[in-house]
Amino acid sequence: MQRATKTGRRYETTGLVEAQYQPRSHGRVLRNLLGITSKREMDRTELAEQLRAMAELVDRYDQDHRFTVEDICEIHRIWLGPVYAWAGKYRKVNLTKDGFTFAAAGQIPRLMADFEKATLAKYTPCKSGNIETIIRALSVVHTELVLIHPFREGNGRVARMAASLMSLQAGLPALDFGSIRGRKRQEYFAAVQSGVNRDYRPAEWIFTSVIRTTSRKRA
């Protein structure tokens, strides 16, 4: 098994196929269906596809929908299907970020099945009118999904897309995560890591702030 560590990428990976990078991208862009070699162009493409996907997903899942792991895979596929051949499929490589190791690739099918039974079935549909209950649901689902990190790329964004869909179920607007940058981005990563010990309070603080920021922008 080959270890791939590339400068400029967000992750260190262990594996073969999904660790491949687009030729002439200098190890900055994953092998893709569009032949994109520029990191900046790929960022723009992924963002445009994410906006397109969210518009489609809002109409797909109604207020009474209970999410499943198949839905999570479908969200990923609808978003990144035009870009990567492995979109919507569980990763086959192990991922490490800043010294933090996510769930081993071989454990993902079992972990996602447990995630559906213990988390998605409990917290979706997200319809409670109690804001504290809504924040708890968003925090637990988001944290547990990011910790599993089921896909090769785009896990945090898929988790945020799912959170926005849950927020809409609860009668709130789609969440704006744009304020999570700089120091707040480090707090966000720390909040996710706290979930290893089932401590979701830091994530609840993050979501409380995100909901407040979103509401102010919509006012």
N, C-alpha and C. Protein backbone atom coordinates (compact mmCIF):
# COMPACT_ATOMS: atom_id res chain seq x y z
N MET A 1 0.85 -1.19 0.00
CA MET A 1 0.00 0.00 0.00
C MET A 1 0.88 1.24 0.00
N GLN A 2 0.56 2.19 -0.86
CA GLN A 2 1.39 3.37 -1.07
C GLN A 2 0.86 4.56 -0.29
N ARG A 3 1.75 5.30 0.31
CA ARG A 3 1.35 6.50 1.05
C ARG A 3 1.56 7.71 0.16
N ALA A 4 0.51 8.52 0.03
CA ALA A 4 0.60 9.71 -0.83
C ALA A 4 0.45 10.95 0.03
N THR A 5 1.45 11.80 0.03
CA THR A 5 1.40 13.05 0.76
C THR A 5 1.76 14.16 -0.21
N LYS A 6 0.82 15.06 -0.49
CA LYS A 6 1.03 16.08 -1.50
C LYS A 6 0.94 17.47 -0.89
N THR A 7 1.90 18.32 -1.21
CA THR A 7 1.88 19.69 -0.73
C THR A 7 0.70 20.42 -1.36
N GLY A 8 -0.01 21.20 -0.54
CA GLY A 8 -1.11 21.99 -1.05
C GLY A 8 -2.45 21.30 -0.97
N ARG A 9 -2.48 20.01 -0.64
CA ARG A 9 -3.74 19.31 -0.47
C ARG A 9 -4.16 19.39 0.99
N ARG A 10 -5.44 19.17 1.23
CA ARG A 10 -5.94 19.27 2.59
C ARG A 10 -5.70 18.00 3.39
N TYR A 11 -5.48 16.87 2.72
CA TYR A 11 -5.39 15.61 3.42
C TYR A 11 -4.13 14.84 3.03
N GLU A 12 -3.68 14.02 3.97
CA GLU A 12 -2.75 12.95 3.63
C GLU A 12 -3.59 11.70 3.43
N THR A 13 -3.25 10.91 2.43
CA THR A 13 -4.06 9.73 2.12
C THR A 13 -3.21 8.48 2.07
N THR A 14 -3.84 7.37 2.36
CA THR A 14 -3.22 6.08 2.21
C THR A 14 -4.09 5.27 1.26
N GLY A 15 -3.55 4.86 0.13
CA GLY A 15 -4.34 4.12 -0.84
C GLY A 15 -3.79 4.32 -2.23
N LEU A 16 -4.54 3.89 -3.26
CA LEU A 16 -4.05 3.96 -4.62
C LEU A 16 -4.95 4.80 -5.52
N VAL A 17 -6.07 4.26 -5.95
CA VAL A 17 -6.87 4.89 -6.99
C VAL A 17 -7.29 6.31 -6.62
N GLU A 18 -7.92 6.47 -5.45
CA GLU A 18 -8.43 7.79 -5.09
C GLU A 18 -7.32 8.75 -4.66
N ALA A 19 -6.11 8.25 -4.52
CA ALA A 19 -5.00 9.12 -4.16
C ALA A 19 -4.35 9.73 -5.40
N GLN A 20 -4.91 9.42 -6.58
CA GLN A 20 -4.34 9.94 -7.82
C GLN A 20 -4.70 11.40 -8.02
N TYR A 21 -3.76 12.13 -8.60
CA TYR A 21 -3.97 13.54 -8.88
C TYR A 21 -3.99 13.75 -10.38
N GLN A 22 -4.66 14.83 -10.78
CA GLN A 22 -4.75 15.13 -12.21
C GLN A 22 -3.35 15.44 -12.76
N PRO A 23 -2.99 14.81 -13.88
CA PRO A 23 -1.68 15.11 -14.49
C PRO A 23 -1.52 16.61 -14.74
N ARG A 24 -0.33 17.11 -14.48
CA ARG A 24 0.03 18.52 -14.67
C ARG A 24 -0.64 19.46 -13.66
N SER A 25 -1.20 18.88 -12.57
CA SER A 25 -1.79 19.74 -11.54
C SER A 25 -0.84 19.96 -10.38
N HIS A 26 0.37 19.39 -10.46
CA HIS A 26 1.37 19.55 -9.42
C HIS A 26 0.86 19.05 -8.06
N GLY A 27 0.04 18.01 -8.08
CA GLY A 27 -0.45 17.42 -6.85
C GLY A 27 -1.44 18.28 -6.10
N ARG A 28 -2.10 19.21 -6.79
CA ARG A 28 -3.04 20.11 -6.12
C ARG A 28 -4.50 19.84 -6.48
N VAL A 29 -4.74 19.05 -7.51
CA VAL A 29 -6.11 18.77 -7.97
C VAL A 29 -6.27 17.27 -8.16
N LEU A 30 -7.31 16.71 -7.56
CA LEU A 30 -7.58 15.29 -7.72
C LEU A 30 -7.96 14.98 -9.16
N ARG A 31 -7.65 13.75 -9.59
CA ARG A 31 -8.02 13.32 -10.93
C ARG A 31 -9.53 13.50 -11.10
N ASN A 32 -9.91 14.14 -12.20
CA ASN A 32 -11.32 14.50 -12.37
C ASN A 32 -11.78 14.28 -13.80
N LEU A 33 -13.10 14.33 -13.99
CA LEU A 33 -13.71 14.05 -15.27
C LEU A 33 -13.61 15.22 -16.24
N LEU A 34 -13.26 16.39 -15.73
CA LEU A 34 -13.25 17.60 -16.55
C LEU A 34 -11.85 17.98 -17.02
N GLY A 35 -10.85 17.27 -16.55
CA GLY A 35 -9.48 17.57 -16.95
C GLY A 35 -8.95 18.85 -16.35
N ILE A 36 -9.54 19.29 -15.24
CA ILE A 36 -9.12 20.53 -14.60
C ILE A 36 -7.78 20.32 -13.89
N THR A 37 -6.85 21.23 -14.10
CA THR A 37 -5.54 21.14 -13.46
C THR A 37 -5.27 22.28 -12.49
N SER A 38 -6.07 23.32 -12.53
CA SER A 38 -5.88 24.49 -11.67
C SER A 38 -6.71 24.36 -10.40
N LYS A 39 -6.08 24.55 -9.24
CA LYS A 39 -6.79 24.50 -7.97
C LYS A 39 -7.87 25.59 -7.90
N ARG A 40 -7.55 26.76 -8.40
CA ARG A 40 -8.52 27.86 -8.37
C ARG A 40 -9.73 27.52 -9.23
N GLU A 41 -9.49 26.97 -10.42
CA GLU A 41 -10.61 26.60 -11.30
C GLU A 41 -11.44 25.48 -10.67
N MET A 42 -10.80 24.53 -10.01
CA MET A 42 -11.54 23.45 -9.37
C MET A 42 -12.39 23.99 -8.23
N ASP A 43 -11.86 24.92 -7.45
CA ASP A 43 -12.64 25.52 -6.37
C ASP A 43 -13.88 26.20 -6.92
N ARG A 44 -13.73 26.93 -8.02
CA ARG A 44 -14.87 27.61 -8.64
C ARG A 44 -15.88 26.59 -9.16
N THR A 45 -15.38 25.52 -9.76
CA THR A 45 -16.26 24.50 -10.32
C THR A 45 -17.05 23.81 -9.22
N GLU A 46 -16.36 23.41 -8.14
CA GLU A 46 -17.05 22.73 -7.04
C GLU A 46 -18.10 23.63 -6.40
N LEU A 47 -17.81 24.93 -6.28
CA LEU A 47 -18.78 25.85 -5.70
C LEU A 47 -20.00 26.00 -6.60
N ALA A 48 -19.77 26.16 -7.91
CA ALA A 48 -20.89 26.28 -8.84
C ALA A 48 -21.76 25.03 -8.82
N GLU A 49 -21.12 23.86 -8.77
CA GLU A 49 -21.87 22.62 -8.72
C GLU A 49 -22.62 22.48 -7.39
N GLN A 50 -22.04 23.00 -6.31
CA GLN A 50 -22.71 22.93 -5.02
C GLN A 50 -23.98 23.78 -5.02
N LEU A 51 -23.91 24.97 -5.59
CA LEU A 51 -25.08 25.84 -5.68
C LEU A 51 -26.17 25.19 -6.53
N ARG A 52 -25.77 24.58 -7.65
CA ARG A 52 -26.73 23.88 -8.50
C ARG A 52 -27.37 22.72 -7.75
N ALA A 53 -26.54 21.96 -7.04
CA ALA A 53 -27.04 20.79 -6.31
C ALA A 53 -28.02 21.18 -5.22
N MET A 54 -27.71 22.25 -4.47
CA MET A 54 -28.61 22.67 -3.39
C MET A 54 -29.97 23.07 -3.93
N ALA A 55 -30.00 23.73 -5.07
CA ALA A 55 -31.28 24.12 -5.67
C ALA A 55 -32.10 22.89 -6.01
N GLU A 56 -31.43 21.83 -6.45
CA GLU A 56 -32.12 20.58 -6.76
C GLU A 56 -32.54 19.85 -5.50
N LEU A 57 -31.69 19.83 -4.50
CA LEU A 57 -31.96 19.06 -3.29
C LEU A 57 -33.09 19.66 -2.45
N VAL A 58 -33.23 20.96 -2.47
CA VAL A 58 -34.30 21.61 -1.72
C VAL A 58 -35.66 21.09 -2.16
N ASP A 59 -35.80 20.82 -3.45
CA ASP A 59 -37.06 20.30 -3.98
C ASP A 59 -37.20 18.79 -3.80
N ARG A 60 -36.11 18.12 -3.51
CA ARG A 60 -36.14 16.66 -3.42
C ARG A 60 -36.60 16.17 -2.05
N TYR A 61 -36.19 16.86 -0.97
CA TYR A 61 -36.47 16.39 0.38
C TYR A 61 -37.45 17.32 1.08
N ASP A 62 -38.60 16.78 1.45
CA ASP A 62 -39.62 17.62 2.07
C ASP A 62 -39.49 17.64 3.59
N GLN A 63 -40.44 18.30 4.23
CA GLN A 63 -40.39 18.52 5.68
C GLN A 63 -40.49 17.22 6.47
N ASP A 64 -41.08 16.19 5.89
CA ASP A 64 -41.30 14.94 6.62
C ASP A 64 -40.27 13.86 6.29
N HIS A 65 -39.25 14.22 5.54
CA HIS A 65 -38.30 13.20 5.08
C HIS A 65 -37.33 12.79 6.19
N ARG A 66 -37.20 11.50 6.41
CA ARG A 66 -36.20 10.98 7.33
C ARG A 66 -34.98 10.58 6.50
N PHE A 67 -33.86 11.22 6.75
CA PHE A 67 -32.68 10.99 5.94
C PHE A 67 -32.05 9.62 6.22
N THR A 68 -31.46 9.06 5.20
CA THR A 68 -30.76 7.78 5.28
C THR A 68 -29.34 7.96 4.75
N VAL A 69 -28.52 6.93 4.90
CA VAL A 69 -27.16 7.03 4.36
C VAL A 69 -27.20 7.06 2.83
N GLU A 70 -28.23 6.46 2.23
CA GLU A 70 -28.37 6.53 0.78
C GLU A 70 -28.59 7.98 0.35
N ASP A 71 -29.34 8.73 1.17
CA ASP A 71 -29.53 10.16 0.86
C ASP A 71 -28.22 10.92 0.95
N ILE A 72 -27.42 10.62 1.95
CA ILE A 72 -26.13 11.29 2.09
C ILE A 72 -25.26 11.02 0.86
N CYS A 73 -25.24 9.78 0.41
CA CYS A 73 -24.49 9.44 -0.80
C CYS A 73 -25.07 10.15 -2.02
N GLU A 74 -26.39 10.25 -2.08
CA GLU A 74 -27.04 10.92 -3.20
C GLU A 74 -26.72 12.41 -3.23
N ILE A 75 -26.68 13.04 -2.06
CA ILE A 75 -26.29 14.45 -1.99
C ILE A 75 -24.89 14.64 -2.57
N HIS A 76 -23.98 13.77 -2.18
CA HIS A 76 -22.60 13.84 -2.69
C HIS A 76 -22.56 13.60 -4.19
N ARG A 77 -23.34 12.63 -4.66
CA ARG A 77 -23.34 12.30 -6.09
C ARG A 77 -23.94 13.43 -6.92
N ILE A 78 -25.06 13.99 -6.46
CA ILE A 78 -25.70 15.08 -7.21
C ILE A 78 -24.75 16.27 -7.30
N TRP A 79 -24.03 16.53 -6.22
CA TRP A 79 -23.11 17.66 -6.22
C TRP A 79 -21.87 17.40 -7.09
N LEU A 80 -21.14 16.32 -6.81
CA LEU A 80 -19.83 16.13 -7.44
C LEU A 80 -19.82 15.12 -8.57
N GLY A 81 -20.99 14.55 -8.90
CA GLY A 81 -21.05 13.59 -10.00
C GLY A 81 -20.48 14.10 -11.32
N PRO A 82 -20.71 15.38 -11.67
CA PRO A 82 -20.14 15.88 -12.92
C PRO A 82 -18.62 16.07 -12.87
N VAL A 83 -18.04 15.95 -11.68
CA VAL A 83 -16.62 16.29 -11.51
C VAL A 83 -15.74 15.06 -11.27
N TYR A 84 -16.20 14.14 -10.40
CA TYR A 84 -15.38 13.00 -10.01
C TYR A 84 -16.10 11.68 -10.25
N ALA A 85 -15.36 10.69 -10.73
CA ALA A 85 -15.94 9.38 -11.01
C ALA A 85 -16.42 8.68 -9.75
N TRP A 86 -15.82 9.00 -8.60
CA TRP A 86 -16.15 8.31 -7.35
C TRP A 86 -17.18 9.07 -6.51
N ALA A 87 -17.82 10.08 -7.07
CA ALA A 87 -18.83 10.84 -6.32
C ALA A 87 -19.96 9.94 -5.87
N GLY A 88 -20.35 10.07 -4.62
CA GLY A 88 -21.45 9.29 -4.07
C GLY A 88 -21.04 7.92 -3.57
N LYS A 89 -19.75 7.59 -3.68
CA LYS A 89 -19.25 6.29 -3.24
C LYS A 89 -18.34 6.48 -2.02
N TYR A 90 -18.40 5.51 -1.11
CA TYR A 90 -17.53 5.58 0.05
C TYR A 90 -16.07 5.51 -0.37
N ARG A 91 -15.24 6.25 0.32
CA ARG A 91 -13.81 6.27 -0.01
C ARG A 91 -13.14 4.93 0.26
N LYS A 92 -12.07 4.70 -0.47
CA LYS A 92 -11.26 3.49 -0.31
C LYS A 92 -9.89 3.82 0.27
N VAL A 93 -9.68 5.08 0.61
CA VAL A 93 -8.39 5.50 1.16
C VAL A 93 -8.59 5.99 2.58
N ASN A 94 -7.55 5.89 3.39
CA ASN A 94 -7.57 6.44 4.74
C ASN A 94 -7.15 7.90 4.68
N LEU A 95 -7.74 8.74 5.53
CA LEU A 95 -7.49 10.17 5.51
C LEU A 95 -7.01 10.67 6.86
N THR A 96 -6.04 11.55 6.82
CA THR A 96 -5.51 12.22 8.01
C THR A 96 -5.43 13.71 7.72
N LYS A 97 -5.84 14.52 8.68
CA LYS A 97 -5.76 15.98 8.52
C LYS A 97 -5.17 16.59 9.77
N ASP A 98 -4.05 17.29 9.61
CA ASP A 98 -3.40 17.97 10.74
C ASP A 98 -3.19 17.03 11.92
N GLY A 99 -2.80 15.79 11.62
CA GLY A 99 -2.53 14.82 12.66
C GLY A 99 -3.76 14.10 13.18
N PHE A 100 -4.95 14.47 12.71
CA PHE A 100 -6.19 13.82 13.15
C PHE A 100 -6.59 12.78 12.11
N THR A 101 -6.74 11.54 12.54
CA THR A 101 -7.08 10.46 11.63
C THR A 101 -8.58 10.18 11.67
N PHE A 102 -9.21 10.24 10.51
CA PHE A 102 -10.63 9.94 10.42
C PHE A 102 -10.83 8.43 10.39
N ALA A 103 -12.08 8.01 10.42
CA ALA A 103 -12.41 6.58 10.45
C ALA A 103 -11.71 5.84 9.31
N ALA A 104 -11.22 4.64 9.61
CA ALA A 104 -10.56 3.82 8.60
C ALA A 104 -11.54 3.48 7.48
N ALA A 105 -11.04 3.50 6.25
CA ALA A 105 -11.90 3.28 5.09
C ALA A 105 -12.68 1.97 5.19
N GLY A 106 -12.04 0.93 5.67
CA GLY A 106 -12.70 -0.37 5.76
C GLY A 106 -13.85 -0.42 6.73
N GLN A 107 -13.92 0.56 7.64
CA GLN A 107 -14.98 0.60 8.64
C GLN A 107 -16.17 1.46 8.22
N ILE A 108 -16.06 2.16 7.11
CA ILE A 108 -17.08 3.14 6.75
C ILE A 108 -18.47 2.52 6.53
N PRO A 109 -18.62 1.42 5.79
CA PRO A 109 -19.97 0.88 5.62
C PRO A 109 -20.66 0.57 6.95
N ARG A 110 -19.93 -0.02 7.90
CA ARG A 110 -20.51 -0.33 9.20
C ARG A 110 -20.82 0.94 9.97
N LEU A 111 -19.90 1.89 9.95
CA LEU A 111 -20.11 3.13 10.70
C LEU A 111 -21.28 3.93 10.14
N MET A 112 -21.43 3.94 8.82
CA MET A 112 -22.54 4.66 8.23
C MET A 112 -23.87 3.98 8.53
N ALA A 113 -23.87 2.66 8.57
CA ALA A 113 -25.09 1.94 8.95
C ALA A 113 -25.48 2.27 10.39
N ASP A 114 -24.49 2.33 11.27
CA ASP A 114 -24.75 2.71 12.66
C ASP A 114 -25.22 4.16 12.75
N PHE A 115 -24.61 5.01 11.94
CA PHE A 115 -24.98 6.43 11.89
C PHE A 115 -26.45 6.60 11.49
N GLU A 116 -26.89 5.80 10.55
CA GLU A 116 -28.29 5.88 10.13
C GLU A 116 -29.23 5.45 11.26
N LYS A 117 -28.89 4.34 11.91
CA LYS A 117 -29.77 3.80 12.96
C LYS A 117 -29.79 4.66 14.21
N ALA A 118 -28.61 5.12 14.63
CA ALA A 118 -28.51 5.81 15.91
C ALA A 118 -28.68 7.32 15.82
N THR A 119 -28.40 7.90 14.65
CA THR A 119 -28.38 9.35 14.55
C THR A 119 -29.43 9.89 13.58
N LEU A 120 -29.36 9.46 12.32
CA LEU A 120 -30.33 9.98 11.35
C LEU A 120 -31.76 9.61 11.73
N ALA A 121 -31.96 8.37 12.18
CA ALA A 121 -33.31 7.94 12.55
C ALA A 121 -33.83 8.70 13.76
N LYS A 122 -32.92 9.16 14.62
CA LYS A 122 -33.33 9.88 15.83
C LYS A 122 -33.58 11.36 15.57
N TYR A 123 -32.74 11.97 14.74
CA TYR A 123 -32.75 13.43 14.62
C TYR A 123 -33.39 13.96 13.33
N THR A 124 -33.81 13.07 12.44
CA THR A 124 -34.53 13.52 11.25
C THR A 124 -35.83 12.74 11.13
N PRO A 125 -36.89 13.34 10.58
CA PRO A 125 -36.92 14.74 10.11
C PRO A 125 -36.76 15.73 11.27
N CYS A 126 -36.14 16.85 10.95
CA CYS A 126 -35.82 17.86 11.96
C CYS A 126 -36.97 18.88 12.00
N LYS A 127 -37.99 18.60 12.81
CA LYS A 127 -39.22 19.38 12.75
C LYS A 127 -39.59 20.05 14.07
N SER A 128 -38.82 19.85 15.12
CA SER A 128 -39.17 20.41 16.42
C SER A 128 -39.18 21.93 16.38
N GLY A 129 -40.13 22.54 17.06
CA GLY A 129 -40.18 23.99 17.13
C GLY A 129 -39.29 24.56 18.22
N ASN A 130 -38.66 23.69 19.00
CA ASN A 130 -37.77 24.12 20.08
C ASN A 130 -36.37 24.34 19.51
N ILE A 131 -35.87 25.57 19.57
CA ILE A 131 -34.60 25.90 18.92
C ILE A 131 -33.44 25.12 19.53
N GLU A 132 -33.48 24.87 20.83
CA GLU A 132 -32.42 24.10 21.46
C GLU A 132 -32.38 22.67 20.91
N THR A 133 -33.55 22.09 20.71
CA THR A 133 -33.63 20.73 20.16
C THR A 133 -33.13 20.70 18.72
N ILE A 134 -33.47 21.73 17.96
CA ILE A 134 -33.01 21.81 16.57
C ILE A 134 -31.49 21.93 16.53
N ILE A 135 -30.93 22.78 17.36
CA ILE A 135 -29.47 22.96 17.39
C ILE A 135 -28.78 21.66 17.79
N ARG A 136 -29.37 20.95 18.75
CA ARG A 136 -28.80 19.67 19.15
C ARG A 136 -28.80 18.69 17.98
N ALA A 137 -29.91 18.62 17.27
CA ALA A 137 -30.01 17.70 16.13
C ALA A 137 -28.98 18.04 15.05
N LEU A 138 -28.87 19.31 14.72
CA LEU A 138 -27.90 19.74 13.71
C LEU A 138 -26.48 19.40 14.14
N SER A 139 -26.18 19.63 15.40
CA SER A 139 -24.83 19.43 15.92
C SER A 139 -24.43 17.96 15.90
N VAL A 140 -25.31 17.09 16.37
CA VAL A 140 -24.99 15.67 16.44
C VAL A 140 -24.84 15.07 15.05
N VAL A 141 -25.80 15.34 14.17
CA VAL A 141 -25.74 14.79 12.81
C VAL A 141 -24.49 15.28 12.10
N HIS A 142 -24.25 16.57 12.17
CA HIS A 142 -23.10 17.15 11.48
C HIS A 142 -21.78 16.57 12.00
N THR A 143 -21.62 16.57 13.31
CA THR A 143 -20.38 16.11 13.91
C THR A 143 -20.10 14.65 13.60
N GLU A 144 -21.10 13.80 13.77
CA GLU A 144 -20.90 12.37 13.54
C GLU A 144 -20.58 12.08 12.07
N LEU A 145 -21.22 12.79 11.16
CA LEU A 145 -20.95 12.57 9.74
C LEU A 145 -19.54 13.00 9.38
N VAL A 146 -19.11 14.16 9.87
CA VAL A 146 -17.76 14.63 9.56
C VAL A 146 -16.71 13.71 10.16
N LEU A 147 -16.96 13.18 11.35
CA LEU A 147 -15.98 12.28 11.97
C LEU A 147 -15.81 11.00 11.16
N ILE A 148 -16.90 10.50 10.59
CA ILE A 148 -16.78 9.30 9.74
C ILE A 148 -16.05 9.66 8.45
N HIS A 149 -16.33 10.84 7.89
CA HIS A 149 -15.66 11.30 6.67
C HIS A 149 -15.79 10.23 5.57
N PRO A 150 -17.01 9.92 5.14
CA PRO A 150 -17.20 8.76 4.27
C PRO A 150 -16.67 8.91 2.85
N PHE A 151 -16.42 10.14 2.40
CA PHE A 151 -16.05 10.35 1.00
C PHE A 151 -14.60 10.82 0.86
N ARG A 152 -14.08 10.69 -0.33
CA ARG A 152 -12.70 11.08 -0.61
C ARG A 152 -12.51 12.59 -0.46
N GLU A 153 -13.52 13.34 -0.82
CA GLU A 153 -13.44 14.80 -0.79
C GLU A 153 -14.84 15.35 -0.57
N GLY A 154 -14.94 16.52 0.07
CA GLY A 154 -16.21 17.21 0.19
C GLY A 154 -17.05 16.82 1.39
N ASN A 155 -16.47 16.17 2.38
CA ASN A 155 -17.25 15.70 3.53
C ASN A 155 -17.85 16.83 4.35
N GLY A 156 -17.05 17.84 4.66
CA GLY A 156 -17.56 18.95 5.44
C GLY A 156 -18.67 19.68 4.71
N ARG A 157 -18.51 19.86 3.41
CA ARG A 157 -19.53 20.56 2.64
C ARG A 157 -20.80 19.73 2.52
N VAL A 158 -20.68 18.42 2.35
CA VAL A 158 -21.87 17.57 2.34
C VAL A 158 -22.58 17.64 3.67
N ALA A 159 -21.83 17.63 4.77
CA ALA A 159 -22.43 17.73 6.10
C ALA A 159 -23.13 19.07 6.28
N ARG A 160 -22.55 20.14 5.73
CA ARG A 160 -23.19 21.44 5.82
C ARG A 160 -24.42 21.53 4.93
N MET A 161 -24.38 20.88 3.77
CA MET A 161 -25.57 20.83 2.91
C MET A 161 -26.70 20.08 3.61
N ALA A 162 -26.35 18.96 4.25
CA ALA A 162 -27.36 18.20 4.99
C ALA A 162 -27.93 19.03 6.14
N ALA A 163 -27.06 19.80 6.81
CA ALA A 163 -27.53 20.66 7.90
C ALA A 163 -28.49 21.72 7.39
N SER A 164 -28.23 22.27 6.21
CA SER A 164 -29.12 23.26 5.64
C SER A 164 -30.47 22.64 5.29
N LEU A 165 -30.46 21.42 4.77
CA LEU A 165 -31.71 20.74 4.46
C LEU A 165 -32.50 20.45 5.73
N MET A 166 -31.81 20.06 6.80
CA MET A 166 -32.47 19.86 8.09
C MET A 166 -33.02 21.19 8.63
N SER A 167 -32.25 22.26 8.46
CA SER A 167 -32.69 23.57 8.91
C SER A 167 -33.99 23.98 8.21
N LEU A 168 -34.07 23.71 6.92
CA LEU A 168 -35.30 24.01 6.18
C LEU A 168 -36.47 23.18 6.68
N GLN A 169 -36.20 21.93 7.05
CA GLN A 169 -37.25 21.10 7.63
C GLN A 169 -37.81 21.72 8.90
N ALA A 170 -36.95 22.37 9.65
CA ALA A 170 -37.33 22.97 10.93
C ALA A 170 -37.97 24.34 10.78
N GLY A 171 -38.12 24.80 9.54
CA GLY A 171 -38.72 26.10 9.31
C GLY A 171 -37.75 27.25 9.38
N LEU A 172 -36.46 26.94 9.44
CA LEU A 172 -35.41 27.96 9.43
C LEU A 172 -34.89 28.12 8.00
N PRO A 173 -34.18 29.20 7.71
CA PRO A 173 -33.59 29.34 6.37
C PRO A 173 -32.41 28.40 6.19
N ALA A 174 -32.02 28.19 4.94
CA ALA A 174 -30.79 27.44 4.66
C ALA A 174 -29.62 28.17 5.33
N LEU A 175 -28.76 27.42 5.99
CA LEU A 175 -27.73 28.02 6.83
C LEU A 175 -26.59 28.61 6.02
N ASP A 176 -26.10 29.74 6.48
CA ASP A 176 -24.97 30.43 5.86
C ASP A 176 -23.74 30.19 6.74
N PHE A 177 -22.80 29.39 6.24
CA PHE A 177 -21.60 29.06 7.01
C PHE A 177 -20.42 29.96 6.64
N GLY A 178 -20.70 31.05 5.93
CA GLY A 178 -19.61 31.91 5.45
C GLY A 178 -18.80 32.57 6.55
N SER A 179 -19.38 32.66 7.75
CA SER A 179 -18.66 33.31 8.85
C SER A 179 -17.61 32.40 9.48
N ILE A 180 -17.60 31.11 9.10
CA ILE A 180 -16.64 30.17 9.68
C ILE A 180 -15.34 30.25 8.88
N ARG A 181 -14.50 31.16 9.28
CA ARG A 181 -13.20 31.34 8.63
C ARG A 181 -12.23 31.90 9.66
N GLY A 182 -10.95 31.80 9.34
CA GLY A 182 -9.93 32.28 10.26
C GLY A 182 -9.97 31.52 11.58
N ARG A 183 -10.00 32.26 12.68
CA ARG A 183 -10.01 31.64 14.01
C ARG A 183 -11.25 30.77 14.20
N LYS A 184 -12.38 31.20 13.67
CA LYS A 184 -13.61 30.42 13.82
C LYS A 184 -13.52 29.08 13.11
N ARG A 185 -12.73 29.04 12.05
CA ARG A 185 -12.54 27.77 11.35
C ARG A 185 -11.80 26.77 12.23
N GLN A 186 -10.82 27.26 12.96
CA GLN A 186 -10.11 26.38 13.89
C GLN A 186 -11.03 25.93 15.02
N GLU A 187 -11.90 26.82 15.48
CA GLU A 187 -12.88 26.44 16.51
C GLU A 187 -13.84 25.38 15.97
N TYR A 188 -14.19 25.50 14.70
CA TYR A 188 -15.07 24.53 14.07
C TYR A 188 -14.40 23.15 14.05
N PHE A 189 -13.15 23.08 13.63
CA PHE A 189 -12.43 21.81 13.61
C PHE A 189 -12.34 21.21 15.02
N ALA A 190 -12.06 22.06 16.00
CA ALA A 190 -11.97 21.60 17.38
C ALA A 190 -13.31 21.07 17.86
N ALA A 191 -14.40 21.72 17.44
CA ALA A 191 -15.74 21.27 17.83
C ALA A 191 -16.04 19.89 17.27
N VAL A 192 -15.65 19.66 16.02
CA VAL A 192 -15.86 18.34 15.42
C VAL A 192 -15.07 17.28 16.18
N GLN A 193 -13.83 17.59 16.50
CA GLN A 193 -12.99 16.63 17.22
C GLN A 193 -13.53 16.32 18.61
N SER A 194 -14.22 17.28 19.22
CA SER A 194 -14.83 17.02 20.53
C SER A 194 -15.89 15.93 20.45
N GLY A 195 -16.44 15.74 19.27
CA GLY A 195 -17.44 14.71 19.08
C GLY A 195 -16.91 13.30 19.26
N VAL A 196 -15.60 13.14 19.21
CA VAL A 196 -15.01 11.81 19.46
C VAL A 196 -15.41 11.32 20.84
N ASN A 197 -15.53 12.24 21.78
CA ASN A 197 -15.93 11.91 23.15
C ASN A 197 -17.41 12.18 23.41
N ARG A 198 -18.20 12.28 22.33
CA ARG A 198 -19.64 12.54 22.42
C ARG A 198 -19.94 13.88 23.11
N ASP A 199 -18.99 14.80 23.01
CA ASP A 199 -19.21 16.14 23.54
C ASP A 199 -19.62 17.04 22.38
N TYR A 200 -20.90 17.35 22.29
CA TYR A 200 -21.42 18.12 21.17
C TYR A 200 -21.64 19.59 21.53
N ARG A 201 -21.27 19.98 22.74
CA ARG A 201 -21.50 21.36 23.15
C ARG A 201 -20.74 22.37 22.28
N PRO A 202 -19.47 22.13 21.94
CA PRO A 202 -18.80 23.08 21.06
C PRO A 202 -19.49 23.22 19.70
N ALA A 203 -19.98 22.10 19.16
CA ALA A 203 -20.70 22.17 17.89
C ALA A 203 -22.01 22.94 18.06
N GLU A 204 -22.66 22.80 19.20
CA GLU A 204 -23.89 23.54 19.46
C GLU A 204 -23.61 25.04 19.49
N TRP A 205 -22.47 25.43 20.05
CA TRP A 205 -22.12 26.85 20.06
C TRP A 205 -21.90 27.35 18.63
N ILE A 206 -21.25 26.51 17.81
CA ILE A 206 -21.02 26.87 16.41
C ILE A 206 -22.35 27.06 15.69
N PHE A 207 -23.27 26.10 15.84
CA PHE A 207 -24.54 26.19 15.13
C PHE A 207 -25.41 27.32 15.66
N THR A 208 -25.33 27.61 16.94
CA THR A 208 -26.06 28.76 17.48
C THR A 208 -25.59 30.03 16.80
N SER A 209 -24.28 30.18 16.64
CA SER A 209 -23.72 31.36 15.98
C SER A 209 -24.13 31.40 14.51
N VAL A 210 -24.07 30.26 13.83
CA VAL A 210 -24.42 30.21 12.41
C VAL A 210 -25.88 30.59 12.20
N ILE A 211 -26.76 30.08 13.04
CA ILE A 211 -28.19 30.40 12.92
C ILE A 211 -28.42 31.89 13.15
N ARG A 212 -27.75 32.45 14.14
CA ARG A 212 -27.90 33.88 14.42
C ARG A 212 -27.41 34.72 13.25
N THR A 213 -26.25 34.35 12.71
CA THR A 213 -25.69 35.08 11.57
C THR A 213 -26.60 34.98 10.36
N THR A 214 -27.11 33.79 10.11
CA THR A 214 -28.01 33.59 8.97
C THR A 214 -29.27 34.42 9.13
N SER A 215 -29.84 34.43 10.33
CA SER A 215 -31.06 35.19 10.59
C SER A 215 -30.85 36.67 10.42
N ARG A 216 -29.68 37.19 10.86
CA ARG A 216 -29.39 38.61 10.69
C ARG A 216 -29.30 38.99 9.22
N LYS A 217 -28.67 38.11 8.43
CA LYS A 217 -28.51 38.40 7.00
C LYS A 217 -29.85 38.36 6.26
N ARG A 218 -30.77 37.52 6.78
CA ARG A 218 -32.08 37.39 6.12
C ARG A 218 -33.07 38.45 6.59
N ALA A 219 -32.73 39.14 7.68
CA ALA A 219 -33.67 40.13 8.25
C ALA A 219 -33.82 41.35 7.35
